[in-house]
C-alpha atoms as a PDB file:
ATOM      1  CA  UNK A   1      63.983 -18.408  72.972  1.00  0.00           C
ATOM      2  CA  UNK A   2      65.800 -15.492  74.494  1.00  0.00           C
ATOM      3  CA  UNK A   3      67.672 -15.151  71.273  1.00  0.00           C
ATOM      4  CA  UNK A   4      64.408 -14.956  69.329  1.00  0.00           C
ATOM      5  CA  UNK A   5      62.974 -12.322  71.694  1.00  0.00           C
ATOM      6  CA  UNK A   6      66.103 -10.178  71.237  1.00  0.00           C
ATOM      7  CA  UNK A   7      65.829 -10.500  67.476  1.00  0.00           C
ATOM      8  CA  UNK A   8      62.170  -9.403  67.580  1.00  0.00           C
ATOM      9  CA  UNK A   9      63.070  -6.411  69.789  1.00  0.00           C
ATOM     10  CA  UNK A  10      65.889  -5.443  67.408  1.00  0.00           C
ATOM     11  CA  UNK A  11      63.555  -5.773  64.464  1.00  0.00           C
ATOM     12  CA  UNK A  12      60.879  -3.628  66.154  1.00  0.00           C
ATOM     13  CA  UNK A  13      63.484  -1.050  67.185  1.00  0.00           C
ATOM     14  CA  UNK A  14      64.794  -0.814  63.623  1.00  0.00           C
ATOM     15  CA  UNK A  15      61.255  -0.483  62.305  1.00  0.00           C
ATOM     16  CA  UNK A  16      60.533   2.291  64.860  1.00  0.00           C
ATOM     17  CA  UNK A  17      63.714   4.148  63.890  1.00  0.00           C
ATOM     18  CA  UNK A  18      62.877   3.884  60.197  1.00  0.00           C
ATOM     19  CA  UNK A  19      59.348   5.234  60.822  1.00  0.00           C
ATOM     20  CA  UNK A  20      60.715   8.222  62.719  1.00  0.00           C
ATOM     21  CA  UNK A  21      63.266   8.918  59.983  1.00  0.00           C
ATOM     22  CA  UNK A  22      60.482   8.951  57.385  1.00  0.00           C
ATOM     23  CA  UNK A  23      58.427  11.348  59.478  1.00  0.00           C
ATOM     24  CA  UNK A  24      61.349  13.725  59.842  1.00  0.00           C
ATOM     25  CA  UNK A  25      62.165  13.564  56.134  1.00  0.00           C
ATOM     26  CA  UNK A  26      58.525  14.214  55.209  1.00  0.00           C
ATOM     27  CA  UNK A  27      58.480  17.213  57.533  1.00  0.00           C
ATOM     28  CA  UNK A  28      61.518  18.729  55.813  1.00  0.00           C
ATOM     29  CA  UNK A  29      59.956  18.090  52.412  1.00  0.00           C
ATOM     30  CA  UNK A  30      56.747  19.820  53.486  1.00  0.00           C
ATOM     31  CA  UNK A  31      58.683  22.876  54.715  1.00  0.00           C
ATOM     32  CA  UNK A  32      60.627  22.970  51.441  1.00  0.00           C
ATOM     33  CA  UNK A  33      57.359  22.763  49.509  1.00  0.00           C
ATOM     34  CA  UNK A  34      55.818  25.651  51.470  1.00  0.00           C
ATOM     35  CA  UNK A  35      58.921  27.815  50.965  1.00  0.00           C
ATOM     36  CA  UNK A  36      58.891  27.038  47.241  1.00  0.00           C
ATOM     37  CA  UNK A  37      55.226  28.009  46.961  1.00  0.00           C
ATOM     38  CA  UNK A  38      55.878  31.285  48.814  1.00  0.00           C
ATOM     39  CA  UNK A  39      58.791  32.115  46.497  1.00  0.00           C
ATOM     40  CA  UNK A  40      56.646  31.364  43.427  1.00  0.00           C
ATOM     41  CA  UNK A  41      53.866  33.617  44.749  1.00  0.00           C
ATOM     42  CA  UNK A  42      56.341  36.459  45.326  1.00  0.00           C
ATOM     43  CA  UNK A  43      57.802  36.090  41.822  1.00  0.00           C
ATOM     44  CA  UNK A  44      54.293  35.961  40.307  1.00  0.00           C
ATOM     45  CA  UNK A  45      53.350  39.153  42.169  1.00  0.00           C
ATOM     46  CA  UNK A  46      56.429  40.976  40.924  1.00  0.00           C
ATOM     47  CA  UNK A  47      55.827  39.777  37.357  1.00  0.00           C
ATOM     48  CA  UNK A  48      52.153  40.777  37.425  1.00  0.00           C
ATOM     49  CA  UNK A  49      53.033  44.248  38.699  1.00  0.00           C
ATOM     50  CA  UNK A  50      55.720  44.783  36.067  1.00  0.00           C
ATOM     51  CA  UNK A  51      53.311  43.780  33.311  1.00  0.00           C
ATOM     52  CA  UNK A  52      50.082  45.408  34.521  1.00  0.00           C
ATOM     53  CA  UNK A  53      51.271  48.095  36.939  1.00  0.00           C
ATOM     54  CA  UNK A  54      51.166  51.848  36.488  1.00  0.00           C
ATOM     55  CA  UNK A  55      54.312  51.912  34.357  1.00  0.00           C
ATOM     56  CA  UNK A  56      53.836  48.335  33.168  1.00  0.00           C
ATOM     57  CA  UNK A  57      54.611  46.840  29.803  1.00  0.00           C
ATOM     58  CA  UNK A  58      50.984  46.779  28.654  1.00  0.00           C
ATOM     59  CA  UNK A  59      50.481  50.467  29.400  1.00  0.00           C
ATOM     60  CA  UNK A  60      53.753  51.370  27.667  1.00  0.00           C
ATOM     61  CA  UNK A  61      52.760  49.345  24.602  1.00  0.00           C
ATOM     62  CA  UNK A  62      49.346  51.025  24.478  1.00  0.00           C
ATOM     63  CA  UNK A  63      50.926  54.504  24.781  1.00  0.00           C
ATOM     64  CA  UNK A  64      53.463  53.709  22.067  1.00  0.00           C
ATOM     65  CA  UNK A  65      50.700  52.424  19.808  1.00  0.00           C
ATOM     66  CA  UNK A  66      48.680  55.620  20.283  1.00  0.00           C
ATOM     67  CA  UNK A  67      51.746  57.755  19.520  1.00  0.00           C
ATOM     68  CA  UNK A  68      52.408  55.792  16.331  1.00  0.00           C
ATOM     69  CA  UNK A  69      48.784  56.173  15.176  1.00  0.00           C
ATOM     70  CA  UNK A  70      48.823  59.898  15.868  1.00  0.00           C
ATOM     71  CA  UNK A  71      52.147  60.381  14.066  1.00  0.00           C
ATOM     72  CA  UNK A  72      50.830  58.323  11.161  1.00  0.00           C
ATOM     73  CA  UNK A  73      47.934  60.759  10.688  1.00  0.00           C
ATOM     74  CA  UNK A  74      50.324  63.724  10.808  1.00  0.00           C
ATOM     75  CA  UNK A  75      52.627  62.076   8.236  1.00  0.00           C
ATOM     76  CA  UNK A  76      49.700  61.431   5.864  1.00  0.00           C
ATOM     77  CA  UNK A  77      48.711  65.099   6.054  1.00  0.00           C
ATOM     78  CA  UNK A  78      52.323  66.161   5.479  1.00  0.00           C
ATOM     79  CA  UNK A  79      52.493  63.881   2.415  1.00  0.00           C
ATOM     80  CA  UNK A  80      49.307  65.494   1.062  1.00  0.00           C
ATOM     81  CA  UNK A  81      50.802  68.947   1.694  1.00  0.00           C
ATOM     82  CA  UNK A  82      53.935  67.908  -0.198  1.00  0.00           C
ATOM     83  CA  UNK A  83      51.795  66.719  -3.156  1.00  0.00           C
ATOM     84  CA  UNK A  84      50.019  70.067  -3.163  1.00  0.00           C
ATOM     85  CA  UNK A  85      53.320  71.934  -3.080  1.00  0.00           C
ATOM     86  CA  UNK A  86      54.650  69.790  -5.933  1.00  0.00           C
ATOM     87  CA  UNK A  87      51.484  70.384  -7.965  1.00  0.00           C
ATOM     88  CA  UNK A  88      51.307  74.170  -7.487  1.00  0.00           C
ATOM     89  CA  UNK A  89      54.921  75.045  -6.808  1.00  0.00           C
ATOM     90  CA  UNK A  90      53.860  77.062  -3.746  1.00  0.00           C
ATOM     91  CA  UNK A  91      53.918  76.219  -0.055  1.00  0.00           C
ATOM     92  CA  UNK A  92      50.301  75.655   1.030  1.00  0.00           C
ATOM     93  CA  UNK A  93      48.677  78.190   3.361  1.00  0.00           C
ATOM     94  CA  UNK A  94      46.814  77.425   6.565  1.00  0.00           C
ATOM     95  CA  UNK A  95      43.532  77.600   4.640  1.00  0.00           C
ATOM     96  CA  UNK A  96      44.819  75.042   2.119  1.00  0.00           C
ATOM     97  CA  UNK A  97      45.942  72.844   5.030  1.00  0.00           C
ATOM     98  CA  UNK A  98      42.403  72.952   6.413  1.00  0.00           C
ATOM     99  CA  UNK A  99      40.982  72.110   2.967  1.00  0.00           C
ATOM    100  CA  UNK A 100      43.297  69.094   2.650  1.00  0.00           C
ATOM    101  CA  UNK A 101      42.282  67.872   6.113  1.00  0.00           C
ATOM    102  CA  UNK A 102      38.586  68.115   5.226  1.00  0.00           C
ATOM    103  CA  UNK A 103      38.923  66.690   1.692  1.00  0.00           C
ATOM    104  CA  UNK A 104      40.723  63.607   2.950  1.00  0.00           C
ATOM    105  CA  UNK A 105      38.423  63.272   5.974  1.00  0.00           C
ATOM    106  CA  UNK A 106      41.150  63.348   8.595  1.00  0.00           C
ATOM    107  CA  UNK A 107      38.888  65.303  10.931  1.00  0.00           C
ATOM    108  CA  UNK A 108      35.675  64.858  12.871  1.00  0.00           C
ATOM    109  CA  UNK A 109      33.361  67.858  12.928  1.00  0.00           C
ATOM    110  CA  UNK A 110      34.496  71.424  12.443  1.00  0.00           C
ATOM    111  CA  UNK A 111      38.124  72.448  12.253  1.00  0.00           C
ATOM    112  CA  UNK A 112      39.363  74.659  15.051  1.00  0.00           C
ATOM    113  CA  UNK A 113      41.468  77.778  14.657  1.00  0.00           C
ATOM    114  CA  UNK A 114      44.640  76.091  15.965  1.00  0.00           C
ATOM    115  CA  UNK A 115      43.800  72.360  15.983  1.00  0.00           C
ATOM    116  CA  UNK A 116      41.414  69.638  14.855  1.00  0.00           C
ATOM    117  CA  UNK A 117      40.065  66.365  16.215  1.00  0.00           C
ATOM    118  CA  UNK A 118      40.811  63.230  14.185  1.00  0.00           C
ATOM    119  CA  UNK A 119      37.905  61.369  12.586  1.00  0.00           C
ATOM    120  CA  UNK A 120      38.016  58.607  15.201  1.00  0.00           C
ATOM    121  CA  UNK A 121      37.767  61.292  17.883  1.00  0.00           C
ATOM    122  CA  UNK A 122      40.804  60.013  19.752  1.00  0.00           C
ATOM    123  CA  UNK A 123      43.418  62.665  19.042  1.00  0.00           C
ATOM    124  CA  UNK A 124      43.605  66.429  18.918  1.00  0.00           C
ATOM    125  CA  UNK A 125      46.306  67.581  16.552  1.00  0.00           C
ATOM    126  CA  UNK A 126      47.620  71.144  16.549  1.00  0.00           C
ATOM    127  CA  UNK A 127      48.364  72.652  13.151  1.00  0.00           C
ATOM    128  CA  UNK A 128      51.835  73.680  14.313  1.00  0.00           C
ATOM    129  CA  UNK A 129      52.703  69.955  14.682  1.00  0.00           C
ATOM    130  CA  UNK A 130      52.256  69.569  10.934  1.00  0.00           C
ATOM    131  CA  UNK A 131      55.258  70.508   8.776  1.00  0.00           C
ATOM    132  CA  UNK A 132      54.949  71.866   5.236  1.00  0.00           C
ATOM    133  CA  UNK A 133      52.575  74.845   5.330  1.00  0.00           C
ATOM    134  CA  UNK A 134      52.987  78.572   5.941  1.00  0.00           C
END
């Protein structure tokens, strides 16, 4: 009988030890999980800032796109100036430049003395940015 009581005590002691081990292991796992979540939040914050921040990728892409559109308009005008020069044999004057801009509807409203506003109203282009006229 004494032997049986000792076996039961040993069994209960082993069970108690196993329970405590599981609790400790679960505690470590929970701490590891919290640290992992914190690290993920920090990385997400850094990523979000680099994409959407003041100098972020989206803003840079938008700026580059606007520059390309603006340069595209200037290149179209320069191509038209080159056609005019090829047709007449003379370098177009500022007045001819203004005529070409109006004929091809590159502008919105009246042409200024030194610049014009594109037909979409987004860009102001100075005549001195355009190559191919006198």
